[in-house]
Amino acid sequence: MTDSAAHDDDLLRRSQESIDEAKAAAAEVVQPDEDDLVDEGLPVADDAEPADGPAPAA
């Protein structure tokens, strides 16, 4: 095997290890339920306008 091929194999192995580590870390992440993201107890203003002004006319 040439030095280039051996180097390529090493890069491929390290890349695959990084991918495997990322997949393992992603599997450990726990996403909250959508209901947990919304606080139903907060008051909602009926006349609220966007902070950047009204929407442009269509």
Protein backbone atom coordinates (compact mmCIF):
# COMPACT_ATOMS: atom_id res chain seq x y z
CA MET A 1 0.00 0.00 0.00
CA THR A 2 1.34 3.42 -0.85
CA ASP A 3 1.76 6.19 1.70
CA SER A 4 -1.14 8.04 0.10
CA ALA A 5 -3.48 5.06 0.40
CA ALA A 6 -2.45 4.47 4.01
CA HIS A 7 -3.04 8.16 4.74
CA ASP A 8 -6.46 8.01 3.05
CA ASP A 9 -7.40 4.94 5.10
CA ASP A 10 -6.39 6.73 8.30
CA LEU A 11 -8.45 9.79 7.36
CA LEU A 12 -11.45 7.61 6.54
CA ARG A 13 -11.15 5.75 9.86
CA ARG A 14 -10.90 8.98 11.86
CA SER A 15 -13.82 10.49 9.96
CA GLN A 16 -15.96 7.45 10.68
CA GLU A 17 -15.01 7.59 14.37
CA SER A 18 -16.07 11.25 14.48
CA ILE A 19 -19.38 10.40 12.81
CA ASP A 20 -19.98 7.56 15.28
CA GLU A 21 -19.21 9.86 18.24
CA ALA A 22 -21.59 12.52 16.90
CA LYS A 23 -24.35 9.95 16.43
CA ALA A 24 -23.86 8.69 19.98
CA ALA A 25 -23.99 12.23 21.37
CA ALA A 26 -27.13 13.01 19.34
CA ALA A 27 -28.82 9.89 20.67
CA GLU A 28 -28.32 11.17 24.23
CA VAL A 29 -30.15 14.47 23.56
CA VAL A 30 -33.66 14.60 24.99
CA GLN A 31 -36.05 16.89 23.18
CA PRO A 32 -38.74 18.49 25.38
CA ASP A 33 -42.37 17.93 24.52
CA GLU A 34 -44.00 20.81 22.65
CA ASP A 35 -46.38 21.35 25.55
CA ASP A 36 -43.40 21.92 27.85
CA LEU A 37 -42.17 24.75 25.60
CA VAL A 38 -45.36 26.80 25.88
CA ASP A 39 -46.35 28.37 29.18
CA GLU A 40 -50.15 28.41 29.00
CA GLY A 41 -50.31 30.66 32.05
CA LEU A 42 -48.77 33.68 30.32
CA PRO A 43 -51.14 36.50 29.37
CA VAL A 44 -51.55 37.21 25.66
CA ALA A 45 -52.14 40.76 24.44
CA ASP A 46 -54.97 40.94 21.89
CA ASP A 47 -53.64 44.16 20.36
CA ALA A 48 -50.00 43.15 20.12
CA GLU A 49 -48.05 44.42 17.12
CA PRO A 50 -44.73 43.11 15.84
CA ALA A 51 -41.70 44.91 17.22
CA ASP A 52 -40.61 45.85 13.69
CA GLY A 53 -43.95 47.44 12.74
CA PRO A 54 -46.97 46.28 10.79
CA ALA A 55 -46.73 43.81 7.95
CA PRO A 56 -46.42 45.29 4.46
CA ALA A 57 -49.57 45.49 2.37
CA ALA A 58 -50.03 42.59 -0.02
